[in-house]
Amino acid sequence: EGGERICVLGRNGEGKSTLLKIIAGEQPIDDGERVLAGGTRVARLTQEVPEGTAGSVFEVVADGLGEMGATVKAYHEASQRVIEDHSQQALDKLAYAQQALEAADGWQLEQQAERVISRMQLDPEARFEALSGGMKRRVLLARALASEPDILLLDEPTNHLDMEAIAWLEEFLLAWNGTLIFITHDRRFLKSLATHIVELDRGRATDWPGDYENYLRRRE
């Protein structure tokens, strides 16, 4: 349900990440069905940085906006270029990019990308490939959040984040109306967020409504 924050628990190798890939539609299933309501947006933050990810921070985050990402990136690139290049050609390119963004009603998406970059304390013009591993994870988290998905899948989201970033993430997710499904070994993060537990154990998924403390009590 919207607003639920479901934590998937299980030992290493139990299949937690595989389950999230299936929910995201990224991995075929051996049997059964994956049913998704029409128009539902799903975004997933992976544990590892995808190979080949490159470009400015803004470009990487805008890639999370789906089909509109290319239009948003074109406008951002053109607006940055005119800061240094005042030629008519640069101004015409900016005007064209702005018209394309307006025609697609993409201003809100552009602002979403700018907002999440700012709140994650990222430099939009920094090169992604030059960042540390921790900063790359932060950028990828921003990309997952930028599209304002209905279902957000987070696989160890606090890895490589400092305490301030984790606190911001908790605050954001607690106020978020979408559905969160996450995997974490951070017990404090788990206790703060989870409203539901799904436990994977030797090929079985057990559903535990309620928070982590309720799960521990009921399992005992």
Protein backbone atom coordinates (compact mmCIF):
# COMPACT_ATOMS: atom_id res chain seq x y z
CA GLU A 1 0.00 0.00 0.00
CA GLY A 2 1.04 3.60 -0.48
CA GLY A 3 3.05 4.75 2.52
CA GLU A 4 4.13 1.25 3.54
CA ARG A 5 7.82 0.78 4.22
CA ILE A 6 8.64 -2.89 3.85
CA CYS A 7 12.00 -4.27 4.93
CA VAL A 8 13.16 -7.57 3.42
CA LEU A 9 15.21 -9.58 5.92
CA GLY A 10 17.24 -12.74 5.40
CA ARG A 11 20.71 -14.19 5.58
CA ASN A 12 23.34 -13.36 2.96
CA GLY A 13 22.62 -15.28 -0.25
CA GLU A 14 18.99 -15.86 0.65
CA GLY A 15 17.71 -13.98 -2.42
CA LYS A 16 16.82 -10.52 -1.10
CA SER A 17 18.44 -8.61 -3.96
CA THR A 18 17.02 -11.07 -6.49
CA LEU A 19 13.52 -10.41 -5.14
CA LEU A 20 13.98 -6.66 -5.62
CA LYS A 21 15.20 -7.22 -9.19
CA ILE A 22 12.07 -9.26 -9.90
CA ILE A 23 9.81 -6.56 -8.46
CA ALA A 24 11.64 -3.99 -10.62
CA GLY A 25 11.06 -6.13 -13.71
CA GLU A 26 14.79 -6.53 -14.28
CA GLN A 27 14.98 -10.29 -13.84
CA PRO A 28 12.73 -13.04 -15.25
CA ILE A 29 11.01 -15.43 -12.85
CA ASP A 30 10.92 -19.23 -13.02
CA ASP A 31 7.22 -19.41 -12.26
CA GLY A 32 4.29 -17.21 -11.26
CA GLU A 33 3.34 -13.71 -12.33
CA ARG A 34 4.48 -10.15 -11.73
CA VAL A 35 1.45 -7.85 -11.75
CA LEU A 36 1.90 -4.08 -11.77
CA ALA A 37 -0.88 -1.48 -11.87
CA GLY A 38 -0.88 0.69 -15.00
CA GLY A 39 1.23 3.82 -14.76
CA THR A 40 3.11 2.65 -11.66
CA ARG A 41 6.65 4.01 -11.56
CA VAL A 42 9.30 1.73 -10.01
CA ALA A 43 12.86 2.84 -9.26
CA ARG A 44 15.66 0.72 -7.78
CA LEU A 45 18.95 1.66 -6.15
CA THR A 46 21.45 -1.14 -6.63
CA GLN A 47 24.23 -2.15 -4.26
CA GLU A 48 26.92 -1.67 -6.91
CA VAL A 49 27.63 1.25 -9.24
CA PRO A 50 26.53 0.22 -12.77
CA GLU A 51 29.45 -0.07 -15.20
CA GLY A 52 29.68 2.65 -17.82
CA THR A 53 27.87 5.30 -15.77
CA ALA A 54 29.41 8.63 -16.77
CA GLY A 55 28.64 12.30 -17.31
CA SER A 56 27.91 15.19 -15.00
CA VAL A 57 26.06 14.59 -11.74
CA PHE A 58 23.03 16.36 -13.21
CA GLU A 59 23.07 14.12 -16.29
CA VAL A 60 23.27 10.93 -14.23
CA VAL A 61 20.41 12.06 -11.96
CA ALA A 62 18.30 13.15 -14.95
CA ASP A 63 18.66 9.64 -16.39
CA GLY A 64 16.26 8.61 -13.63
CA LEU A 65 13.48 10.73 -15.17
CA GLY A 66 12.63 8.19 -17.86
CA GLU A 67 11.80 9.36 -21.37
CA MET A 68 11.89 13.02 -20.30
CA GLY A 69 15.45 12.69 -19.05
CA ALA A 70 17.01 13.52 -22.43
CA THR A 71 14.91 16.71 -22.78
CA VAL A 72 15.77 17.83 -19.24
CA LYS A 73 19.48 17.17 -19.85
CA ALA A 74 19.43 19.12 -23.12
CA TYR A 75 17.90 22.15 -21.40
CA HIS A 76 20.37 21.98 -18.51
CA GLU A 77 23.36 21.68 -20.86
CA ALA A 78 22.15 24.62 -22.96
CA SER A 79 21.53 26.80 -19.89
CA GLN A 80 25.02 26.07 -18.57
CA ARG A 81 26.64 26.80 -21.92
CA VAL A 82 25.21 30.34 -22.24
CA ILE A 83 26.89 31.27 -18.94
CA GLU A 84 30.22 31.25 -20.80
CA ASP A 85 29.13 31.41 -24.45
CA HIS A 86 26.96 34.44 -25.27
CA SER A 87 26.84 33.76 -29.00
CA GLN A 88 23.56 33.78 -30.90
CA GLN A 89 23.99 30.10 -31.64
CA ALA A 90 24.16 29.26 -27.93
CA LEU A 91 21.15 31.48 -27.18
CA ASP A 92 19.15 29.86 -30.00
CA LYS A 93 20.01 26.41 -28.67
CA LEU A 94 18.82 27.42 -25.20
CA ALA A 95 15.56 28.81 -26.61
CA TYR A 96 14.97 25.57 -28.55
CA ALA A 97 15.69 23.44 -25.47
CA GLN A 98 13.38 25.60 -23.37
CA GLN A 99 10.56 25.27 -25.92
CA ALA A 100 11.00 21.49 -25.98
CA LEU A 101 10.84 21.35 -22.18
CA GLU A 102 7.71 23.53 -22.08
CA ALA A 103 6.00 21.53 -24.84
CA ALA A 104 6.56 18.32 -22.87
CA ASP A 105 5.49 19.98 -19.60
CA GLY A 106 8.85 19.00 -18.17
CA TRP A 107 9.58 21.91 -15.85
CA GLN A 108 8.45 19.97 -12.80
CA LEU A 109 10.81 17.11 -13.63
CA GLU A 110 13.71 19.51 -14.14
CA GLN A 111 12.98 21.07 -10.76
CA GLN A 112 12.70 17.64 -9.14
CA ALA A 113 16.20 16.80 -10.35
CA GLU A 114 17.57 20.14 -9.14
CA ARG A 115 15.85 19.77 -5.77
CA VAL A 116 17.11 16.28 -4.98
CA ILE A 117 20.66 17.22 -6.10
CA SER A 118 20.59 20.19 -3.76
CA ARG A 119 19.21 18.22 -0.84
CA MET A 120 21.80 15.50 -1.31
CA GLN A 121 24.47 18.24 -1.25
CA LEU A 122 25.84 17.34 -4.69
CA ASP A 123 27.62 19.51 -7.25
CA PRO A 124 25.50 19.17 -10.41
CA GLU A 125 28.46 19.92 -12.70
CA ALA A 126 30.92 17.49 -11.09
CA ARG A 127 31.96 14.53 -13.25
CA PHE A 128 30.45 11.30 -11.96
CA GLU A 129 33.44 9.18 -12.97
CA ALA A 130 35.79 11.37 -10.88
CA LEU A 131 33.81 10.94 -7.64
CA SER A 132 34.65 8.64 -4.74
CA GLY A 133 32.68 5.42 -4.31
CA GLY A 134 30.58 6.94 -1.54
CA MET A 135 29.70 10.03 -3.55
CA LYS A 136 28.78 7.88 -6.55
CA ARG A 137 26.32 5.99 -4.33
CA ARG A 138 24.82 9.28 -3.24
CA VAL A 139 24.36 10.37 -6.86
CA LEU A 140 22.68 7.06 -7.74
CA LEU A 141 20.35 7.48 -4.78
CA ALA A 142 19.46 10.93 -6.07
CA ARG A 143 18.74 9.38 -9.49
CA ALA A 144 16.38 6.86 -7.91
CA LEU A 145 14.54 9.62 -6.02
CA ALA A 146 14.37 12.09 -8.91
CA SER A 147 11.44 10.44 -10.70
CA GLU A 148 9.34 10.41 -7.52
CA PRO A 149 8.50 6.74 -8.01
CA ASP A 150 5.39 5.01 -6.66
CA ILE A 151 7.54 2.06 -5.57
CA LEU A 152 11.11 2.70 -4.46
CA LEU A 153 13.44 -0.27 -4.08
CA LEU A 154 16.55 0.37 -1.98
CA ASP A 155 19.29 -2.23 -1.57
CA GLU A 156 21.54 -1.22 1.37
CA PRO A 157 20.85 2.52 0.84
CA THR A 158 22.93 3.74 3.79
CA ASN A 159 26.19 2.18 2.57
CA HIS A 160 28.84 4.90 2.15
CA LEU A 161 26.54 7.68 3.39
CA ASP A 162 27.57 9.89 6.30
CA MET A 163 25.30 10.44 9.30
CA GLU A 164 23.88 13.70 7.97
CA ALA A 165 22.91 12.12 4.64
CA ILE A 166 21.37 9.12 6.43
CA ALA A 167 19.34 11.47 8.64
CA TRP A 168 18.10 13.34 5.57
CA LEU A 169 17.20 10.07 3.84
CA GLU A 170 15.23 8.89 6.89
CA GLU A 171 13.34 12.18 7.06
CA PHE A 172 12.58 12.08 3.34
CA LEU A 173 11.34 8.48 3.40
CA LEU A 174 9.25 8.97 6.55
CA ALA A 175 7.39 11.82 4.83
CA TRP A 176 7.13 10.04 1.46
CA ASN A 177 3.72 8.75 0.33
CA GLY A 178 4.94 6.02 -1.99
CA THR A 179 5.73 2.40 -1.22
CA LEU A 180 9.24 1.61 -0.02
CA ILE A 181 10.76 -1.85 -0.18
CA PHE A 182 14.27 -1.96 1.21
CA ILE A 183 17.12 -4.17 2.34
CA THR A 184 19.45 -3.00 5.09
CA HIS A 185 21.86 -4.25 7.72
CA ASP A 186 21.62 -0.90 9.52
CA ARG A 187 19.42 -1.78 12.51
CA ARG A 188 18.85 1.84 13.50
CA PHE A 189 17.69 2.68 9.98
CA LEU A 190 15.48 -0.43 9.96
CA LYS A 191 13.86 0.38 13.32
CA SER A 192 13.23 3.97 12.28
CA LEU A 193 11.55 3.16 8.97
CA ALA A 194 9.99 -0.29 8.74
CA THR A 195 6.21 -0.63 9.03
CA HIS A 196 6.26 -4.18 7.67
CA ILE A 197 8.76 -7.04 7.56
CA VAL A 198 9.11 -9.76 4.94
CA GLU A 199 11.54 -12.49 6.01
CA LEU A 200 13.19 -14.83 3.51
CA ASP A 201 14.35 -18.10 5.02
CA ARG A 202 15.33 -21.24 3.08
CA GLY A 203 13.10 -20.49 0.10
CA ARG A 204 10.08 -19.25 2.06
CA ALA A 205 8.82 -15.69 2.42
CA THR A 206 7.05 -14.93 5.71
CA ASP A 207 4.96 -11.78 6.11
CA TRP A 208 5.16 -9.91 9.42
CA PRO A 209 2.90 -6.82 9.65
CA GLY A 210 4.21 -4.17 12.02
CA ASP A 211 7.59 -2.71 12.89
CA TYR A 212 10.86 -4.48 13.67
CA GLU A 213 10.22 -4.81 17.40
CA ASN A 214 6.83 -6.39 16.69
CA TYR A 215 8.50 -8.77 14.23
CA LEU A 216 11.05 -9.88 16.85
CA ARG A 217 8.33 -10.40 19.47
CA ARG A 218 5.98 -12.33 17.18
CA ARG A 219 8.74 -14.50 15.69
CA GLU A 220 9.85 -15.50 19.20
